[in-house]
Amino acid sequence: MGINGAYPFAIDEIGLNGSFYVDRNYTQKHAHTLHQHKSVVELLYVCDGEGRYQIGSREYAVSEGDMIICNALTLHGETLSLKNTIQTYCIALSGVQLPGLPQNCLISAERRPVVSMTRFKEMADIIMPNIHDMFLLKENQLGRQLAISVLMMTYEELQLQQQESNHRLAQRNELMVREITKYLDAHYTEPLRMGDVCEEFHLSISYLSHMFKKETGLSPKQYIVLRRIGEAQSLLTESDIPIRQIEEQLGFTSSCHLTSTFKKYVGISPREYRQHFREKDE
């Protein structure tokens, strides 16, 4: 069972098509130039050392305990570097089909293809060499079962780390919205433009608006309006400041604008609101 229930691939369809071991001496002297596989997904486990590995158009730093995921039809290969000391076990699997992805692709193109096998490192350290031994001995069925277990462990790590990444992003967004709210609270009476807010926080208008509304249920502009209305309510009930002065103090462009906006959100005009509370106090 996976984190979200059953694994999304058909176990019976998965085949072990190859197993390889590359030590650090071979890696340093004979870096495998970029290549791709048409009908298998490769899982390369870094059992020792550190270095760099290229997948697609990018290079990634890899080290002991990392699993490198090479989807079908994705260019990949070791980089030729004196500092490349990685030793890897690799398994090639066929018949891997996840919903929404091409066949023999374990991750989408935009996801990072290197995952740390944090929870399963000790198991991977034992299983990967055993798969290689089974493959060389042509113990295909046992080797296949072990390879499927590695696929499951890798999928589990991918799911868990995606959930953790989403949680961290949600936390960052929540903190960012708090800071944006503080900024709006400090400047809501001014003729504030969304461009000013975006510049202050180095965000695009679309991203800021989407993030703010997701966290608060309001657009930044709606928040400013409600903040002004709330302050107007306080001034109307707790002071004798003329309505026109309240309008100017809170950044409304005209008394008509204040009146129409106030009625839209409160249901009555500012004058009626003040009169209501005065009669209530009397």
Protein backbone atom coordinates (compact mmCIF):
# COMPACT_ATOMS: atom_id res chain seq x y z
CA MET A 1 0.00 0.00 0.00
CA GLY A 2 1.20 3.50 -0.81
CA ILE A 3 0.70 6.70 1.14
CA ASN A 4 -2.51 7.35 -0.75
CA GLY A 5 -3.71 3.76 -0.73
CA ALA A 6 -2.89 1.17 -3.42
CA TYR A 7 0.04 1.75 -5.74
CA PRO A 8 -1.12 3.32 -9.03
CA PHE A 9 0.75 0.89 -11.26
CA ALA A 10 -0.10 -2.68 -12.22
CA ILE A 11 2.43 -4.91 -10.45
CA ASP A 12 1.85 -7.86 -12.77
CA GLU A 13 2.82 -5.78 -15.83
CA ILE A 14 6.22 -4.73 -14.51
CA GLY A 15 9.33 -6.47 -15.83
CA LEU A 16 13.01 -6.33 -14.86
CA ASN A 17 14.87 -5.74 -18.13
CA GLY A 18 18.37 -5.15 -16.80
CA SER A 19 20.62 -4.57 -13.82
CA PHE A 20 24.00 -2.84 -13.86
CA TYR A 21 26.72 -1.87 -11.42
CA VAL A 22 29.20 0.93 -12.05
CA ASP A 23 32.06 1.57 -9.63
CA ARG A 24 33.84 4.88 -9.08
CA ASN A 25 36.89 3.98 -11.18
CA TYR A 26 34.74 3.26 -14.20
CA THR A 27 32.69 6.41 -13.59
CA GLN A 28 35.81 8.61 -13.48
CA LYS A 29 37.41 7.12 -16.59
CA HIS A 30 34.41 6.18 -18.72
CA ALA A 31 31.56 8.57 -18.07
CA HIS A 32 28.49 7.30 -19.88
CA THR A 33 27.63 9.98 -22.41
CA LEU A 34 24.05 11.16 -22.83
CA HIS A 35 21.70 8.44 -23.99
CA GLN A 36 18.08 7.44 -23.65
CA HIS A 37 15.97 4.32 -23.49
CA LYS A 38 12.79 3.93 -25.47
CA SER A 39 10.85 1.38 -23.45
CA VAL A 40 12.19 1.28 -19.88
CA VAL A 41 12.49 3.55 -16.87
CA GLU A 42 15.84 3.33 -15.10
CA LEU A 43 16.35 3.71 -11.37
CA LEU A 44 19.98 4.45 -10.50
CA TYR A 45 20.84 4.15 -6.83
CA VAL A 46 23.97 5.93 -5.60
CA CYS A 47 25.37 3.44 -3.10
CA ASP A 48 28.57 5.41 -2.44
CA GLY A 49 30.40 8.61 -3.33
CA GLU A 50 29.21 11.88 -4.79
CA GLY A 51 29.25 13.68 -8.10
CA ARG A 52 27.04 15.07 -10.80
CA TYR A 53 24.56 13.41 -13.12
CA GLN A 54 22.86 14.92 -16.16
CA ILE A 55 19.18 14.33 -16.87
CA GLY A 56 17.66 16.14 -19.82
CA SER A 57 19.34 19.53 -20.13
CA ARG A 58 20.25 19.84 -16.42
CA GLU A 59 22.98 18.52 -14.16
CA TYR A 60 22.18 17.45 -10.61
CA ALA A 61 24.44 17.00 -7.61
CA VAL A 62 24.00 13.45 -6.31
CA SER A 63 25.42 11.58 -3.34
CA GLU A 64 25.11 8.37 -1.37
CA GLY A 65 21.49 7.41 -0.74
CA ASP A 66 20.05 9.22 -3.75
CA MET A 67 17.84 7.52 -6.32
CA ILE A 68 18.13 8.96 -9.84
CA ILE A 69 14.99 8.52 -11.95
CA CYS A 70 15.49 8.32 -15.71
CA ASN A 71 12.16 8.19 -17.51
CA ALA A 72 11.84 6.50 -20.89
CA LEU A 73 12.97 8.75 -23.78
CA THR A 74 14.81 11.07 -21.36
CA LEU A 75 18.45 11.86 -22.08
CA HIS A 76 20.74 11.04 -19.17
CA GLY A 77 24.33 10.20 -18.33
CA GLU A 78 27.25 10.68 -15.95
CA THR A 79 29.33 13.84 -16.26
CA LEU A 80 33.07 13.47 -16.80
CA SER A 81 34.63 15.05 -13.71
CA LEU A 82 37.57 14.32 -11.42
CA LYS A 83 35.22 14.88 -8.49
CA ASN A 84 32.76 12.26 -9.73
CA THR A 85 33.21 9.37 -7.31
CA ILE A 86 29.70 7.90 -7.46
CA GLN A 87 29.09 4.18 -7.48
CA THR A 88 25.68 3.14 -8.72
CA TYR A 89 23.41 0.17 -9.04
CA CYS A 90 20.88 0.52 -11.83
CA ILE A 91 17.71 -1.39 -12.64
CA ALA A 92 15.75 -1.04 -15.88
CA LEU A 93 12.00 -1.61 -15.56
CA SER A 94 9.31 -1.99 -18.19
CA GLY A 95 5.53 -1.97 -17.90
CA VAL A 96 5.41 0.98 -15.49
CA GLN A 97 2.26 2.99 -16.17
CA LEU A 98 1.07 5.78 -13.88
CA PRO A 99 -2.14 7.76 -14.48
CA GLY A 100 -1.52 10.89 -16.53
CA LEU A 101 2.06 9.96 -17.46
CA PRO A 102 3.56 8.32 -20.57
CA GLN A 103 4.46 4.67 -20.25
CA ASN A 104 7.61 3.92 -18.26
CA CYS A 105 7.68 7.37 -16.70
CA LEU A 106 7.69 7.54 -12.91
CA ILE A 107 7.60 11.33 -12.59
CA SER A 108 6.38 14.29 -14.64
CA ALA A 109 8.91 16.31 -16.62
CA GLU A 110 8.82 19.28 -14.23
CA ARG A 111 9.66 17.27 -11.10
CA ARG A 112 13.17 16.89 -9.75
CA PRO A 113 14.46 13.48 -10.93
CA VAL A 114 16.66 12.89 -7.87
CA VAL A 115 15.06 11.73 -4.63
CA SER A 116 16.80 10.97 -1.36
CA MET A 117 15.86 7.50 -0.10
CA THR A 118 15.77 8.79 3.47
CA ARG A 119 13.50 6.19 5.06
CA PHE A 120 14.60 3.28 2.88
CA LYS A 121 18.36 3.77 2.55
CA GLU A 122 19.34 0.76 4.65
CA MET A 123 16.96 -1.45 2.69
CA ALA A 124 18.13 -0.07 -0.66
CA ASP A 125 21.76 -0.67 0.33
CA ILE A 126 20.93 -4.37 0.74
CA ILE A 127 18.37 -4.91 -2.01
CA MET A 128 20.09 -3.21 -4.96
CA PRO A 129 23.22 -5.45 -4.87
CA ASN A 130 20.99 -8.48 -4.44
CA ILE A 131 18.96 -7.56 -7.52
CA HIS A 132 22.19 -7.32 -9.49
CA ASP A 133 23.35 -10.72 -8.22
CA MET A 134 19.98 -12.31 -9.03
CA PHE A 135 20.03 -10.83 -12.53
CA LEU A 136 23.53 -12.19 -13.21
CA LEU A 137 22.47 -15.60 -11.90
CA LYS A 138 19.36 -15.42 -14.11
CA GLU A 139 17.12 -15.75 -11.05
CA ASN A 140 14.69 -13.56 -12.94
CA GLN A 141 11.57 -14.02 -10.81
CA LEU A 142 13.25 -13.26 -7.49
CA GLY A 143 15.18 -10.37 -9.02
CA ARG A 144 11.95 -8.97 -10.45
CA GLN A 145 10.22 -9.12 -7.07
CA LEU A 146 13.09 -7.27 -5.43
CA ALA A 147 13.08 -4.69 -8.23
CA ILE A 148 9.37 -4.08 -7.72
CA SER A 149 10.00 -3.50 -4.03
CA VAL A 150 12.58 -0.84 -4.96
CA LEU A 151 10.05 0.77 -7.30
CA MET A 152 7.52 0.83 -4.45
CA MET A 153 10.02 2.38 -2.03
CA THR A 154 10.98 5.02 -4.58
CA TYR A 155 7.34 5.84 -5.22
CA GLU A 156 6.73 6.13 -1.45
CA GLU A 157 9.61 8.59 -1.11
CA LEU A 158 8.38 10.62 -4.06
CA GLN A 159 4.89 10.85 -2.55
CA LEU A 160 6.12 11.74 0.92
CA GLN A 161 8.57 14.38 -0.28
CA GLN A 162 5.91 15.90 -2.54
CA GLN A 163 3.57 16.18 0.44
CA GLU A 164 6.34 17.76 2.52
CA SER A 165 7.13 20.16 -0.31
CA ASN A 166 3.46 21.15 -0.59
CA HIS A 167 3.32 21.67 3.19
CA ARG A 168 6.42 23.87 3.14
CA LEU A 169 4.99 25.88 0.25
CA ALA A 170 1.70 26.33 2.13
CA GLN A 171 3.62 27.52 5.20
CA ARG A 172 5.65 29.98 3.13
CA ASN A 173 2.50 31.30 1.49
CA GLU A 174 0.80 31.69 4.86
CA LEU A 175 3.74 33.69 6.23
CA MET A 176 3.88 35.78 3.05
CA VAL A 177 0.15 36.58 3.28
CA ARG A 178 0.63 37.65 6.90
CA GLU A 179 3.35 40.08 5.81
CA ILE A 180 1.22 41.36 2.91
CA THR A 181 -1.72 41.85 5.29
CA LYS A 182 0.50 43.87 7.66
CA TYR A 183 1.58 46.01 4.72
CA LEU A 184 -2.01 46.59 3.61
CA ASP A 185 -3.03 47.43 7.18
CA ALA A 186 -0.28 50.07 7.29
CA HIS A 187 -1.17 51.63 3.92
CA TYR A 188 -4.88 50.97 3.33
CA THR A 189 -5.82 54.67 3.64
CA GLU A 190 -3.39 55.60 0.89
CA PRO A 191 -4.06 55.50 -2.89
CA LEU A 192 -2.39 52.09 -2.99
CA ARG A 193 -1.81 50.38 -6.33
CA MET A 194 -1.38 46.63 -6.69
CA GLY A 195 1.86 47.30 -8.51
CA ASP A 196 3.23 48.94 -5.36
CA VAL A 197 2.40 45.85 -3.28
CA CYS A 198 3.91 43.49 -5.86
CA GLU A 199 7.08 45.56 -6.02
CA GLU A 200 7.37 45.54 -2.23
CA PHE A 201 7.21 41.72 -2.10
CA HIS A 202 8.82 40.92 -5.48
CA LEU A 203 5.78 39.01 -6.71
CA SER A 204 3.72 39.12 -9.88
CA ILE A 205 0.22 40.56 -9.66
CA SER A 206 -1.39 37.27 -10.68
CA TYR A 207 0.57 35.18 -8.15
CA LEU A 208 0.05 37.64 -5.30
CA SER A 209 -3.69 37.89 -5.97
CA HIS A 210 -4.10 34.11 -6.26
CA MET A 211 -2.09 33.39 -3.10
CA PHE A 212 -3.80 36.10 -1.05
CA LYS A 213 -7.30 35.00 -2.08
CA LYS A 214 -6.53 31.34 -1.41
CA GLU A 215 -5.43 32.18 2.15
CA THR A 216 -8.03 34.85 3.03
CA GLY A 217 -10.93 34.33 0.65
CA LEU A 218 -10.53 37.95 -0.51
CA SER A 219 -8.58 39.70 -3.21
CA PRO A 220 -6.12 42.35 -1.93
CA LYS A 221 -8.42 45.08 -3.27
CA GLN A 222 -11.41 43.59 -1.44
CA TYR A 223 -9.36 43.42 1.76
CA ILE A 224 -8.46 47.13 1.45
CA VAL A 225 -12.11 48.07 0.89
CA LEU A 226 -13.30 46.03 3.88
CA ARG A 227 -10.50 47.43 6.01
CA ARG A 228 -11.66 50.95 5.13
CA ILE A 229 -15.29 50.08 5.80
CA GLY A 230 -14.42 48.57 9.17
CA GLU A 231 -12.49 51.67 10.19
CA ALA A 232 -15.37 53.86 8.94
CA GLN A 233 -17.77 51.93 11.16
CA SER A 234 -15.56 52.58 14.19
CA LEU A 235 -15.22 56.29 13.44
CA LEU A 236 -18.97 56.66 12.84
CA THR A 237 -19.89 55.11 16.18
CA GLU A 238 -16.99 56.28 18.36
CA SER A 239 -16.45 59.87 17.17
CA ASP A 240 -18.19 62.96 15.88
CA ILE A 241 -15.84 63.34 12.91
CA PRO A 242 -17.85 64.60 9.89
CA ILE A 243 -18.55 61.98 7.25
CA ARG A 244 -16.68 63.99 4.60
CA GLN A 245 -13.59 64.02 6.81
CA ILE A 246 -13.90 60.27 7.39
CA GLU A 247 -14.09 59.82 3.66
CA GLU A 248 -10.86 61.79 3.13
CA GLN A 249 -9.11 60.16 6.09
CA LEU A 250 -9.77 56.66 4.80
CA GLY A 251 -8.83 57.32 1.19
CA PHE A 252 -12.27 57.33 -0.43
CA THR A 253 -12.32 59.54 -3.51
CA SER A 254 -15.73 61.12 -2.83
CA SER A 255 -18.63 61.05 -0.42
CA CYS A 256 -20.67 59.28 -3.11
CA HIS A 257 -18.02 56.58 -3.31
CA LEU A 258 -17.98 56.18 0.45
CA THR A 259 -21.78 56.06 0.63
CA SER A 260 -22.23 53.56 -2.22
CA THR A 261 -19.43 51.31 -0.98
CA PHE A 262 -20.65 51.47 2.63
CA LYS A 263 -24.22 50.61 1.60
CA LYS A 264 -22.96 47.73 -0.53
CA TYR A 265 -21.22 46.04 2.41
CA VAL A 266 -23.21 47.24 5.43
CA GLY A 267 -26.68 47.65 3.93
CA ILE A 268 -27.31 51.27 4.99
CA SER A 269 -25.62 54.63 4.40
CA PRO A 270 -22.91 55.99 6.74
CA ARG A 271 -25.33 58.65 7.99
CA GLU A 272 -28.01 56.06 8.76
CA TYR A 273 -25.44 53.85 10.45
CA ARG A 274 -24.30 56.66 12.76
CA GLN A 275 -27.87 57.67 13.54
CA HIS A 276 -28.82 54.07 14.33
CA PHE A 277 -26.10 53.66 16.93
CA ARG A 278 -26.77 57.08 18.48
CA GLU A 279 -30.45 56.21 18.92
CA LYS A 280 -29.46 52.86 20.36
CA ASP A 281 -27.16 54.52 22.94
CA GLU A 282 -29.92 56.98 23.92
